Amino acid sequence: MKQQSRGLIRLWNNYTEKHPNIAQFLMFFLLSNSVTVLQIIIMPLFKSLLGNTSLVDTSFQVLQLGNNFDGSVYYVFDYAAGALSAGGGGGLAYFLAVQTSITIAQIINFFAQRNITFKSNSNIWQAAFWYVIAYIIISLGAAAAQGLYKAPIYNLLMNTWEMGSAGETTADVISMIINSAISFWVFFPIFKIIFKQKPDIQAS
């Protein structure tokens, strides 16, 4: 077993030497998807925990951007009061569940990508600062895009297909995967910039 592991490591190291950019992207892909799986696992836990509080009945609808096709107001963050199963938007409870799980996943992603994928030795605080800025901008963009697919997906699975709570859970997973896919393609070029490898300076 140890010999097989060493063989795989040696094979991977050889591939990395010959194709560094492709190997870097593959590692980024692997870690990003692992973080997405983690997010899918922990998000329902926070949703269940906060779903038993009065935050479900507290509306969180901010950053208006025009109107929907039906004339209703379009919000970047649109979490109307009331449980999803009752036709609401999950309220502040759902927003906090989503953002908390994303934040935990992104903190892990930051260190994993910096240390494993890009092997960066640049200033960690500068990298963290630009990571947070990028995270905020990407989150706003992903949230704005979510307004285009969130309601139709939940309505299709919960009401049209009458899947009930199973439909709600499935819609949660689909929404997180779409959100993660958006972040995936945007974050990679950003990481290439903020996670630098500085040459070691040896004293002569």
N, C-alpha and C. Protein backbone atom coordinates (compact mmCIF):
# COMPACT_ATOMS: atom_id res chain seq x y z
N MET A 1 0.84 -1.20 0.00
CA MET A 1 0.00 0.00 0.00
C MET A 1 0.88 1.25 0.00
N LYS A 2 1.94 1.23 0.82
CA LYS A 2 2.84 2.38 0.90
C LYS A 2 3.57 2.57 -0.42
N GLN A 3 3.96 1.46 -1.04
CA GLN A 3 4.65 1.54 -2.32
C GLN A 3 3.75 2.13 -3.41
N GLN A 4 2.46 1.75 -3.37
CA GLN A 4 1.50 2.29 -4.33
C GLN A 4 1.34 3.80 -4.13
N SER A 5 1.26 4.21 -2.86
CA SER A 5 1.11 5.63 -2.54
C SER A 5 2.33 6.41 -3.02
N ARG A 6 3.51 5.86 -2.74
CA ARG A 6 4.74 6.52 -3.19
C ARG A 6 4.80 6.59 -4.72
N GLY A 7 4.32 5.52 -5.36
CA GLY A 7 4.31 5.51 -6.81
C GLY A 7 3.40 6.57 -7.38
N LEU A 8 2.22 6.75 -6.78
CA LEU A 8 1.29 7.77 -7.23
C LEU A 8 1.85 9.16 -7.01
N ILE A 9 2.49 9.36 -5.84
CA ILE A 9 3.09 10.66 -5.53
C ILE A 9 4.21 10.98 -6.52
N ARG A 10 5.02 9.98 -6.81
CA ARG A 10 6.11 10.17 -7.77
C ARG A 10 5.57 10.48 -9.16
N LEU A 11 4.50 9.77 -9.53
CA LEU A 11 3.86 10.00 -10.83
C LEU A 11 3.31 11.41 -10.93
N TRP A 12 2.65 11.83 -9.84
CA TRP A 12 2.08 13.18 -9.81
C TRP A 12 3.17 14.25 -9.87
N ASN A 13 4.27 14.04 -9.13
CA ASN A 13 5.38 15.00 -9.13
C ASN A 13 6.00 15.11 -10.51
N ASN A 14 6.14 13.98 -11.19
CA ASN A 14 6.69 13.99 -12.55
C ASN A 14 5.77 14.74 -13.50
N TYR A 15 4.47 14.51 -13.35
CA TYR A 15 3.49 15.19 -14.20
C TYR A 15 3.53 16.69 -13.93
N THR A 16 3.65 17.07 -12.66
CA THR A 16 3.69 18.48 -12.28
C THR A 16 4.90 19.18 -12.88
N GLU A 17 6.02 18.49 -12.91
CA GLU A 17 7.23 19.07 -13.50
C GLU A 17 7.07 19.30 -15.01
N LYS A 18 6.39 18.39 -15.68
CA LYS A 18 6.23 18.48 -17.13
C LYS A 18 5.08 19.42 -17.51
N HIS A 19 4.02 19.42 -16.71
CA HIS A 19 2.84 20.23 -17.02
C HIS A 19 2.41 21.02 -15.78
N PRO A 20 3.20 21.99 -15.33
CA PRO A 20 2.90 22.71 -14.08
C PRO A 20 1.56 23.44 -14.07
N ASN A 21 1.21 24.08 -15.19
CA ASN A 21 -0.05 24.84 -15.23
C ASN A 21 -1.28 23.94 -15.17
N ILE A 22 -1.22 22.83 -15.93
CA ILE A 22 -2.35 21.89 -15.94
C ILE A 22 -2.48 21.24 -14.56
N ALA A 23 -1.35 20.85 -13.96
CA ALA A 23 -1.36 20.22 -12.64
C ALA A 23 -1.92 21.18 -11.60
N GLN A 24 -1.56 22.44 -11.73
CA GLN A 24 -2.06 23.45 -10.80
C GLN A 24 -3.57 23.60 -10.91
N PHE A 25 -4.07 23.62 -12.15
CA PHE A 25 -5.51 23.74 -12.36
C PHE A 25 -6.25 22.51 -11.83
N LEU A 26 -5.68 21.32 -12.05
CA LEU A 26 -6.31 20.10 -11.57
C LEU A 26 -6.39 20.08 -10.05
N MET A 27 -5.33 20.55 -9.38
CA MET A 27 -5.35 20.61 -7.92
C MET A 27 -6.38 21.63 -7.44
N PHE A 28 -6.43 22.76 -8.14
CA PHE A 28 -7.43 23.78 -7.81
C PHE A 28 -8.83 23.21 -7.96
N PHE A 29 -9.05 22.46 -9.03
CA PHE A 29 -10.35 21.84 -9.29
C PHE A 29 -10.71 20.85 -8.18
N LEU A 30 -9.75 20.02 -7.79
CA LEU A 30 -9.99 19.02 -6.75
C LEU A 30 -10.33 19.66 -5.41
N LEU A 31 -9.54 20.65 -5.01
CA LEU A 31 -9.77 21.30 -3.72
C LEU A 31 -11.07 22.11 -3.73
N SER A 32 -11.35 22.77 -4.83
CA SER A 32 -12.58 23.57 -4.93
C SER A 32 -13.82 22.69 -4.79
N ASN A 33 -13.79 21.54 -5.45
CA ASN A 33 -14.94 20.63 -5.36
C ASN A 33 -15.05 20.00 -3.98
N SER A 34 -13.92 19.77 -3.33
CA SER A 34 -13.95 19.23 -1.97
C SER A 34 -14.59 20.23 -1.02
N VAL A 35 -14.25 21.50 -1.21
CA VAL A 35 -14.83 22.57 -0.38
C VAL A 35 -16.33 22.70 -0.66
N THR A 36 -16.72 22.52 -1.92
CA THR A 36 -18.14 22.58 -2.27
C THR A 36 -18.92 21.46 -1.58
N VAL A 37 -18.34 20.27 -1.55
CA VAL A 37 -18.97 19.13 -0.86
C VAL A 37 -19.12 19.45 0.63
N LEU A 38 -18.09 20.04 1.22
CA LEU A 38 -18.16 20.43 2.63
C LEU A 38 -19.29 21.42 2.85
N GLN A 39 -19.40 22.37 1.94
CA GLN A 39 -20.45 23.38 2.04
C GLN A 39 -21.84 22.74 1.95
N ILE A 40 -21.98 21.77 1.05
CA ILE A 40 -23.26 21.07 0.90
C ILE A 40 -23.62 20.31 2.16
N ILE A 41 -22.60 19.82 2.88
CA ILE A 41 -22.84 19.05 4.10
C ILE A 41 -23.24 19.95 5.27
N ILE A 42 -22.52 21.07 5.43
CA ILE A 42 -22.75 21.90 6.62
C ILE A 42 -23.91 22.89 6.47
N MET A 43 -24.24 23.26 5.23
CA MET A 43 -25.31 24.24 5.05
C MET A 43 -26.65 23.77 5.62
N PRO A 44 -27.08 22.52 5.37
CA PRO A 44 -28.35 22.06 5.96
C PRO A 44 -28.33 22.08 7.49
N LEU A 45 -27.16 21.90 8.09
CA LEU A 45 -27.06 21.94 9.55
C LEU A 45 -27.39 23.33 10.08
N PHE A 46 -26.80 24.35 9.45
CA PHE A 46 -27.09 25.73 9.86
C PHE A 46 -28.53 26.11 9.53
N LYS A 47 -29.00 25.61 8.39
CA LYS A 47 -30.38 25.89 7.98
C LYS A 47 -31.37 25.30 8.98
N SER A 48 -31.10 24.08 9.43
CA SER A 48 -31.97 23.43 10.40
C SER A 48 -31.91 24.14 11.75
N LEU A 49 -30.70 24.53 12.14
CA LEU A 49 -30.53 25.21 13.42
C LEU A 49 -31.23 26.55 13.45
N LEU A 50 -31.02 27.36 12.41
CA LEU A 50 -31.62 28.70 12.35
C LEU A 50 -33.08 28.65 11.95
N GLY A 51 -33.48 27.54 11.33
CA GLY A 51 -34.87 27.40 10.90
C GLY A 51 -35.85 27.29 12.04
N ASN A 52 -35.34 27.03 13.23
CA ASN A 52 -36.20 26.92 14.42
C ASN A 52 -36.26 28.22 15.20
N THR A 53 -35.75 29.29 14.62
CA THR A 53 -35.75 30.58 15.30
C THR A 53 -36.71 31.55 14.61
N SER A 54 -36.92 32.68 15.24
CA SER A 54 -37.82 33.70 14.69
C SER A 54 -37.21 34.40 13.48
N LEU A 55 -35.91 34.12 13.19
CA LEU A 55 -35.25 34.74 12.05
C LEU A 55 -35.89 34.32 10.73
N VAL A 56 -36.58 33.18 10.73
CA VAL A 56 -37.28 32.73 9.52
C VAL A 56 -38.35 33.74 9.12
N ASP A 57 -38.95 34.38 10.10
CA ASP A 57 -40.02 35.34 9.84
C ASP A 57 -39.52 36.77 9.73
N THR A 58 -38.19 36.92 9.65
CA THR A 58 -37.60 38.24 9.47
C THR A 58 -37.11 38.37 8.03
N SER A 59 -37.72 39.26 7.29
CA SER A 59 -37.39 39.41 5.88
C SER A 59 -35.99 40.02 5.71
N PHE A 60 -35.26 39.54 4.71
CA PHE A 60 -33.96 40.11 4.38
C PHE A 60 -33.92 40.30 2.87
N GLN A 61 -34.35 41.47 2.42
CA GLN A 61 -34.39 41.81 1.00
C GLN A 61 -33.69 43.15 0.81
N VAL A 62 -32.46 43.10 0.29
CA VAL A 62 -31.65 44.31 0.18
C VAL A 62 -31.02 44.42 -1.20
N LEU A 63 -30.57 45.64 -1.52
CA LEU A 63 -29.92 45.96 -2.79
C LEU A 63 -30.85 45.72 -3.98
N GLN A 64 -31.81 46.61 -4.12
CA GLN A 64 -32.77 46.49 -5.22
C GLN A 64 -32.10 46.79 -6.56
N LEU A 65 -32.38 45.94 -7.55
CA LEU A 65 -31.87 46.13 -8.91
C LEU A 65 -33.04 45.99 -9.89
N GLY A 66 -33.81 47.02 -10.03
CA GLY A 66 -34.91 47.00 -10.98
C GLY A 66 -36.04 46.08 -10.56
N ASN A 67 -36.63 45.44 -11.56
CA ASN A 67 -37.80 44.58 -11.32
C ASN A 67 -37.69 43.26 -12.06
N ASN A 68 -38.43 42.27 -11.56
CA ASN A 68 -38.53 40.98 -12.23
C ASN A 68 -39.46 41.10 -13.43
N PHE A 69 -39.56 40.01 -14.21
CA PHE A 69 -40.43 40.02 -15.39
C PHE A 69 -41.90 40.22 -15.01
N ASP A 70 -42.25 39.77 -13.79
CA ASP A 70 -43.65 39.91 -13.37
C ASP A 70 -43.92 41.26 -12.72
N GLY A 71 -42.92 42.14 -12.70
CA GLY A 71 -43.11 43.47 -12.13
C GLY A 71 -42.71 43.60 -10.67
N SER A 72 -42.47 42.48 -9.98
CA SER A 72 -42.06 42.53 -8.59
C SER A 72 -40.62 43.05 -8.48
N VAL A 73 -40.28 43.53 -7.31
CA VAL A 73 -38.95 44.12 -7.08
C VAL A 73 -37.87 43.04 -7.12
N TYR A 74 -36.76 43.33 -7.79
CA TYR A 74 -35.63 42.38 -7.88
C TYR A 74 -34.56 42.81 -6.90
N TYR A 75 -34.25 41.93 -5.94
CA TYR A 75 -33.22 42.20 -4.96
C TYR A 75 -32.01 41.29 -5.19
N VAL A 76 -30.81 41.84 -4.93
CA VAL A 76 -29.60 41.02 -5.01
C VAL A 76 -29.68 39.91 -3.97
N PHE A 77 -30.04 40.30 -2.75
CA PHE A 77 -30.27 39.32 -1.68
C PHE A 77 -31.76 39.32 -1.39
N ASP A 78 -32.44 38.29 -1.87
CA ASP A 78 -33.90 38.23 -1.79
C ASP A 78 -34.34 37.05 -0.93
N TYR A 79 -34.50 37.30 0.36
CA TYR A 79 -34.93 36.26 1.30
C TYR A 79 -36.16 36.77 2.04
N ALA A 80 -37.31 36.59 1.41
CA ALA A 80 -38.56 37.05 2.00
C ALA A 80 -38.86 36.26 3.26
N ALA A 81 -39.64 36.85 4.15
CA ALA A 81 -40.02 36.19 5.40
C ALA A 81 -40.86 34.96 5.13
N GLY A 82 -40.73 33.98 6.01
CA GLY A 82 -41.51 32.76 5.89
C GLY A 82 -40.68 31.58 5.41
N ALA A 83 -41.04 30.40 5.88
CA ALA A 83 -40.32 29.19 5.48
C ALA A 83 -40.52 28.90 3.99
N LEU A 84 -39.54 28.28 3.38
CA LEU A 84 -39.64 27.93 1.96
C LEU A 84 -40.81 26.99 1.70
N SER A 85 -41.03 26.09 2.63
CA SER A 85 -42.13 25.13 2.48
C SER A 85 -43.49 25.80 2.51
N ALA A 86 -43.53 27.02 3.08
CA ALA A 86 -44.79 27.75 3.17
C ALA A 86 -44.90 28.82 2.09
N GLY A 87 -43.96 28.80 1.14
CA GLY A 87 -44.01 29.77 0.06
C GLY A 87 -43.18 31.01 0.30
N GLY A 88 -42.47 31.07 1.44
CA GLY A 88 -41.62 32.22 1.74
C GLY A 88 -40.24 32.05 1.13
N GLY A 89 -39.33 32.92 1.55
CA GLY A 89 -37.97 32.87 1.02
C GLY A 89 -36.93 32.42 2.03
N GLY A 90 -37.41 31.98 3.19
CA GLY A 90 -36.49 31.51 4.22
C GLY A 90 -36.07 32.58 5.20
N GLY A 91 -36.31 33.84 4.82
CA GLY A 91 -35.99 34.94 5.72
C GLY A 91 -34.51 35.08 6.05
N LEU A 92 -34.25 35.85 7.10
CA LEU A 92 -32.87 36.09 7.53
C LEU A 92 -32.18 34.79 7.94
N ALA A 93 -32.95 33.81 8.40
CA ALA A 93 -32.39 32.52 8.81
C ALA A 93 -31.71 31.83 7.64
N TYR A 94 -32.37 31.82 6.50
CA TYR A 94 -31.81 31.16 5.31
C TYR A 94 -30.58 31.90 4.82
N PHE A 95 -30.65 33.24 4.83
CA PHE A 95 -29.50 34.04 4.40
C PHE A 95 -28.28 33.75 5.26
N LEU A 96 -28.46 33.72 6.57
CA LEU A 96 -27.34 33.47 7.49
C LEU A 96 -26.80 32.04 7.34
N ALA A 97 -27.69 31.09 7.10
CA ALA A 97 -27.26 29.70 6.90
C ALA A 97 -26.38 29.58 5.67
N VAL A 98 -26.79 30.24 4.59
CA VAL A 98 -26.02 30.20 3.34
C VAL A 98 -24.68 30.89 3.51
N GLN A 99 -24.71 32.10 4.07
CA GLN A 99 -23.48 32.88 4.18
C GLN A 99 -22.50 32.28 5.19
N THR A 100 -23.01 31.71 6.26
CA THR A 100 -22.13 31.09 7.25
C THR A 100 -21.41 29.88 6.66
N SER A 101 -22.15 29.05 5.94
CA SER A 101 -21.53 27.86 5.34
C SER A 101 -20.53 28.26 4.26
N ILE A 102 -20.86 29.29 3.48
CA ILE A 102 -19.94 29.76 2.44
C ILE A 102 -18.67 30.33 3.08
N THR A 103 -18.83 31.11 4.15
CA THR A 103 -17.68 31.72 4.81
C THR A 103 -16.73 30.66 5.36
N ILE A 104 -17.27 29.65 6.03
CA ILE A 104 -16.43 28.57 6.57
C ILE A 104 -15.70 27.85 5.44
N ALA A 105 -16.43 27.56 4.37
CA ALA A 105 -15.83 26.87 3.23
C ALA A 105 -14.73 27.71 2.58
N GLN A 106 -14.95 29.02 2.47
CA GLN A 106 -13.96 29.88 1.82
C GLN A 106 -12.72 30.09 2.66
N ILE A 107 -12.86 30.09 3.98
CA ILE A 107 -11.69 30.19 4.85
C ILE A 107 -10.79 28.97 4.67
N ILE A 108 -11.42 27.80 4.64
CA ILE A 108 -10.66 26.56 4.41
C ILE A 108 -10.05 26.57 3.01
N ASN A 109 -10.82 27.05 2.03
CA ASN A 109 -10.35 27.11 0.66
C ASN A 109 -9.14 28.03 0.52
N PHE A 110 -9.16 29.13 1.25
CA PHE A 110 -8.05 30.09 1.19
C PHE A 110 -6.73 29.43 1.56
N PHE A 111 -6.70 28.77 2.71
CA PHE A 111 -5.46 28.16 3.17
C PHE A 111 -5.06 26.96 2.32
N ALA A 112 -6.07 26.17 1.88
CA ALA A 112 -5.77 25.00 1.06
C ALA A 112 -5.18 25.40 -0.29
N GLN A 113 -5.81 26.37 -0.93
CA GLN A 113 -5.32 26.80 -2.24
C GLN A 113 -3.96 27.49 -2.13
N ARG A 114 -3.80 28.30 -1.09
CA ARG A 114 -2.54 29.03 -0.93
C ARG A 114 -1.38 28.08 -0.68
N ASN A 115 -1.59 27.11 0.21
CA ASN A 115 -0.49 26.24 0.63
C ASN A 115 -0.27 25.03 -0.27
N ILE A 116 -1.36 24.50 -0.84
CA ILE A 116 -1.24 23.27 -1.61
C ILE A 116 -1.19 23.53 -3.11
N THR A 117 -2.17 24.26 -3.63
CA THR A 117 -2.24 24.47 -5.07
C THR A 117 -1.16 25.42 -5.58
N PHE A 118 -1.08 26.60 -4.97
CA PHE A 118 -0.17 27.63 -5.48
C PHE A 118 1.15 27.71 -4.72
N LYS A 119 1.21 27.02 -3.56
CA LYS A 119 2.45 27.00 -2.76
C LYS A 119 3.02 28.40 -2.61
N SER A 120 2.14 29.31 -2.23
CA SER A 120 2.52 30.72 -2.16
C SER A 120 3.32 31.02 -0.90
N ASN A 121 4.32 31.88 -1.06
CA ASN A 121 5.10 32.34 0.09
C ASN A 121 5.06 33.87 0.20
N SER A 122 4.08 34.47 -0.47
CA SER A 122 3.91 35.91 -0.40
C SER A 122 3.24 36.28 0.92
N ASN A 123 3.13 37.56 1.18
CA ASN A 123 2.54 38.05 2.43
C ASN A 123 1.11 37.56 2.59
N ILE A 124 0.86 36.80 3.65
CA ILE A 124 -0.45 36.18 3.83
C ILE A 124 -1.54 37.21 4.11
N TRP A 125 -1.18 38.31 4.79
CA TRP A 125 -2.18 39.32 5.13
C TRP A 125 -2.62 40.10 3.88
N GLN A 126 -1.68 40.38 3.00
CA GLN A 126 -2.05 41.03 1.74
C GLN A 126 -2.93 40.11 0.90
N ALA A 127 -2.55 38.83 0.85
CA ALA A 127 -3.34 37.86 0.10
C ALA A 127 -4.74 37.74 0.69
N ALA A 128 -4.82 37.71 2.02
CA ALA A 128 -6.13 37.60 2.69
C ALA A 128 -6.99 38.82 2.41
N PHE A 129 -6.36 39.99 2.41
CA PHE A 129 -7.10 41.24 2.13
C PHE A 129 -7.74 41.19 0.74
N TRP A 130 -6.94 40.84 -0.28
CA TRP A 130 -7.46 40.79 -1.64
C TRP A 130 -8.44 39.64 -1.83
N TYR A 131 -8.24 38.58 -1.07
CA TYR A 131 -9.16 37.44 -1.12
C TYR A 131 -10.54 37.88 -0.62
N VAL A 132 -10.57 38.62 0.47
CA VAL A 132 -11.83 39.09 1.04
C VAL A 132 -12.53 40.04 0.06
N ILE A 133 -11.76 40.95 -0.55
CA ILE A 133 -12.33 41.87 -1.53
C ILE A 133 -12.94 41.09 -2.69
N ALA A 134 -12.18 40.12 -3.21
CA ALA A 134 -12.67 39.30 -4.32
C ALA A 134 -13.91 38.51 -3.90
N TYR A 135 -13.88 37.98 -2.68
CA TYR A 135 -15.00 37.19 -2.16
C TYR A 135 -16.27 38.03 -2.09
N ILE A 136 -16.15 39.27 -1.62
CA ILE A 136 -17.32 40.15 -1.52
C ILE A 136 -17.89 40.46 -2.90
N ILE A 137 -17.01 40.79 -3.84
CA ILE A 137 -17.46 41.13 -5.19
C ILE A 137 -18.12 39.92 -5.87
N ILE A 138 -17.47 38.76 -5.74
CA ILE A 138 -18.02 37.54 -6.35
C ILE A 138 -19.34 37.15 -5.70
N SER A 139 -19.42 37.31 -4.38
CA SER A 139 -20.66 36.98 -3.66
C SER A 139 -21.81 37.85 -4.12
N LEU A 140 -21.54 39.14 -4.34
CA LEU A 140 -22.59 40.04 -4.82
C LEU A 140 -23.03 39.64 -6.22
N GLY A 141 -22.05 39.31 -7.07
CA GLY A 141 -22.39 38.90 -8.44
C GLY A 141 -23.17 37.59 -8.46
N ALA A 142 -22.72 36.62 -7.65
CA ALA A 142 -23.40 35.33 -7.59
C ALA A 142 -24.80 35.47 -7.02
N ALA A 143 -24.95 36.35 -6.02
CA ALA A 143 -26.27 36.58 -5.41
C ALA A 143 -27.21 37.23 -6.41
N ALA A 144 -26.69 38.16 -7.20
CA ALA A 144 -27.53 38.81 -8.21
C ALA A 144 -27.97 37.81 -9.26
N ALA A 145 -27.06 36.91 -9.66
CA ALA A 145 -27.40 35.88 -10.65
C ALA A 145 -28.38 34.87 -10.08
N GLN A 146 -28.30 34.65 -8.76
CA GLN A 146 -29.17 33.67 -8.12
C GLN A 146 -30.64 34.01 -8.30
N GLY A 147 -30.93 35.29 -8.41
CA GLY A 147 -32.31 35.71 -8.59
C GLY A 147 -32.92 35.21 -9.89
N LEU A 148 -32.06 34.82 -10.84
CA LEU A 148 -32.55 34.34 -12.13
C LEU A 148 -32.95 32.88 -12.10
N TYR A 149 -32.33 32.11 -11.19
CA TYR A 149 -32.60 30.67 -11.20
C TYR A 149 -33.16 30.10 -9.90
N LYS A 150 -32.99 30.83 -8.78
CA LYS A 150 -33.39 30.29 -7.48
C LYS A 150 -34.89 29.97 -7.43
N ALA A 151 -35.73 30.97 -7.67
CA ALA A 151 -37.18 30.78 -7.57
C ALA A 151 -37.69 29.71 -8.53
N PRO A 152 -37.28 29.72 -9.82
CA PRO A 152 -37.77 28.68 -10.73
C PRO A 152 -37.39 27.26 -10.30
N ILE A 153 -36.17 27.09 -9.77
CA ILE A 153 -35.72 25.76 -9.36
C ILE A 153 -36.54 25.27 -8.17
N TYR A 154 -36.71 26.13 -7.16
CA TYR A 154 -37.48 25.73 -5.98
C TYR A 154 -38.94 25.47 -6.35
N ASN A 155 -39.49 26.31 -7.21
CA ASN A 155 -40.89 26.14 -7.61
C ASN A 155 -41.07 24.84 -8.39
N LEU A 156 -40.11 24.54 -9.28
CA LEU A 156 -40.19 23.31 -10.08
C LEU A 156 -40.16 22.07 -9.20
N LEU A 157 -39.18 22.02 -8.29
CA LEU A 157 -38.99 20.81 -7.48
C LEU A 157 -40.02 20.67 -6.37
N MET A 158 -40.38 21.78 -5.73
CA MET A 158 -41.29 21.70 -4.58
C MET A 158 -42.76 21.69 -4.97
N ASN A 159 -43.09 22.48 -6.01
CA ASN A 159 -44.51 22.63 -6.36
C ASN A 159 -44.90 21.85 -7.62
N THR A 160 -44.21 22.12 -8.73
CA THR A 160 -44.57 21.45 -9.99
C THR A 160 -44.39 19.94 -9.89
N TRP A 161 -43.23 19.53 -9.37
CA TRP A 161 -42.96 18.09 -9.23
C TRP A 161 -43.40 17.54 -7.89
N GLU A 162 -43.89 18.41 -7.02
CA GLU A 162 -44.46 18.04 -5.72
C GLU A 162 -43.52 17.13 -4.90
N MET A 163 -42.26 17.53 -4.83
CA MET A 163 -41.27 16.75 -4.08
C MET A 163 -41.18 17.17 -2.61
N GLY A 164 -41.87 18.26 -2.26
CA GLY A 164 -41.91 18.69 -0.87
C GLY A 164 -40.54 19.00 -0.28
N SER A 165 -40.25 18.46 0.91
CA SER A 165 -38.99 18.73 1.60
C SER A 165 -37.79 18.18 0.83
N ALA A 166 -38.01 17.04 0.14
CA ALA A 166 -36.93 16.48 -0.69
C ALA A 166 -36.60 17.42 -1.83
N GLY A 167 -37.61 18.06 -2.39
CA GLY A 167 -37.39 19.03 -3.45
C GLY A 167 -36.66 20.25 -2.95
N GLU A 168 -36.99 20.66 -1.72
CA GLU A 168 -36.32 21.81 -1.12
C GLU A 168 -34.84 21.52 -0.91
N THR A 169 -34.54 20.33 -0.40
CA THR A 169 -33.14 19.94 -0.17
C THR A 169 -32.38 19.85 -1.49
N THR A 170 -33.03 19.26 -2.49
CA THR A 170 -32.40 19.13 -3.81
C THR A 170 -32.13 20.50 -4.42
N ALA A 171 -33.09 21.42 -4.25
CA ALA A 171 -32.93 22.77 -4.77
C ALA A 171 -31.79 23.49 -4.05
N ASP A 172 -31.66 23.24 -2.75
CA ASP A 172 -30.55 23.81 -1.98
C ASP A 172 -29.21 23.39 -2.58
N VAL A 173 -29.10 22.09 -2.85
CA VAL A 173 -27.85 21.54 -3.39
C VAL A 173 -27.56 22.12 -4.78
N ILE A 174 -28.58 22.17 -5.64
CA ILE A 174 -28.41 22.70 -6.99
C ILE A 174 -27.97 24.16 -6.94
N SER A 175 -28.59 24.93 -6.06
CA SER A 175 -28.25 26.35 -5.93
C SER A 175 -26.80 26.53 -5.47
N MET A 176 -26.38 25.71 -4.51
CA MET A 176 -25.00 25.80 -4.03
C MET A 176 -24.01 25.39 -5.10
N ILE A 177 -24.34 24.39 -5.90
CA ILE A 177 -23.45 23.94 -6.97
C ILE A 177 -23.30 25.03 -8.03
N ILE A 178 -24.41 25.67 -8.40
CA ILE A 178 -24.35 26.75 -9.39
C ILE A 178 -23.52 27.91 -8.85
N ASN A 179 -23.76 28.27 -7.59
CA ASN A 179 -23.01 29.36 -6.96
C ASN A 179 -21.52 29.03 -6.91
N SER A 180 -21.20 27.78 -6.58
CA SER A 180 -19.80 27.36 -6.50
C SER A 180 -19.15 27.35 -7.88
N ALA A 181 -19.92 26.98 -8.91
CA ALA A 181 -19.39 26.95 -10.27
C ALA A 181 -19.02 28.36 -10.73
N ILE A 182 -19.86 29.33 -10.38
CA ILE A 182 -19.56 30.73 -10.72
C ILE A 182 -18.27 31.16 -10.03
N SER A 183 -18.17 30.86 -8.74
CA SER A 183 -16.98 31.23 -7.97
C SER A 183 -15.74 30.53 -8.51
N PHE A 184 -15.89 29.28 -8.92
CA PHE A 184 -14.76 28.49 -9.41
C PHE A 184 -14.06 29.17 -10.57
N TRP A 185 -14.81 29.55 -11.58
CA TRP A 185 -14.20 30.11 -12.78
C TRP A 185 -13.67 31.52 -12.56
N VAL A 186 -14.23 32.23 -11.60
CA VAL A 186 -13.75 33.59 -11.34
C VAL A 186 -12.54 33.59 -10.42
N PHE A 187 -12.52 32.69 -9.44
CA PHE A 187 -11.47 32.69 -8.44
C PHE A 187 -10.11 32.25 -9.00
N PHE A 188 -10.09 31.32 -9.95
CA PHE A 188 -8.81 30.78 -10.40
C PHE A 188 -7.86 31.87 -10.91
N PRO A 189 -8.26 32.73 -11.85
CA PRO A 189 -7.33 33.79 -12.29
C PRO A 189 -6.98 34.77 -11.17
N ILE A 190 -7.92 34.97 -10.23
CA ILE A 190 -7.62 35.86 -9.09
C ILE A 190 -6.56 35.24 -8.20
N PHE A 191 -6.67 33.94 -7.95
CA PHE A 191 -5.67 33.25 -7.14
C PHE A 191 -4.29 33.30 -7.79
N LYS A 192 -4.26 33.22 -9.11
CA LYS A 192 -2.99 33.29 -9.83
C LYS A 192 -2.27 34.61 -9.55
N ILE A 193 -3.06 35.63 -9.26
CA ILE A 193 -2.50 36.96 -9.00
C ILE A 193 -2.11 37.14 -7.54
N ILE A 194 -2.99 36.76 -6.62
CA ILE A 194 -2.74 37.05 -5.20
C ILE A 194 -1.87 36.01 -4.50
N PHE A 195 -1.81 34.80 -5.05
CA PHE A 195 -0.98 33.75 -4.44
C PHE A 195 0.33 33.61 -5.23
N LYS A 196 1.24 34.51 -4.97
CA LYS A 196 2.51 34.53 -5.69
C LYS A 196 3.53 33.61 -5.03
N GLN A 197 4.48 33.19 -5.84
CA GLN A 197 5.64 32.46 -5.35
C GLN A 197 6.86 33.34 -5.53
N LYS A 198 7.37 33.86 -4.42
CA LYS A 198 8.54 34.71 -4.48
C LYS A 198 9.81 33.87 -4.37
N PRO A 199 10.80 34.15 -5.20
CA PRO A 199 12.05 33.36 -5.13
C PRO A 199 12.75 33.59 -3.81
N ASP A 200 13.32 32.51 -3.27
CA ASP A 200 14.06 32.63 -2.02
C ASP A 200 15.33 33.41 -2.25
N ILE A 201 15.58 34.33 -1.35
CA ILE A 201 16.77 35.16 -1.45
C ILE A 201 17.80 34.62 -0.47
N GLN A 202 18.88 34.06 -1.00
CA GLN A 202 19.90 33.48 -0.16
C GLN A 202 21.08 34.43 -0.04
N ALA A 203 21.57 34.49 1.15
CA ALA A 203 22.71 35.37 1.40
C ALA A 203 23.94 34.82 0.70
N SER A 204 24.68 35.68 0.03
CA SER A 204 25.87 35.25 -0.68
C SER A 204 27.06 35.12 0.26
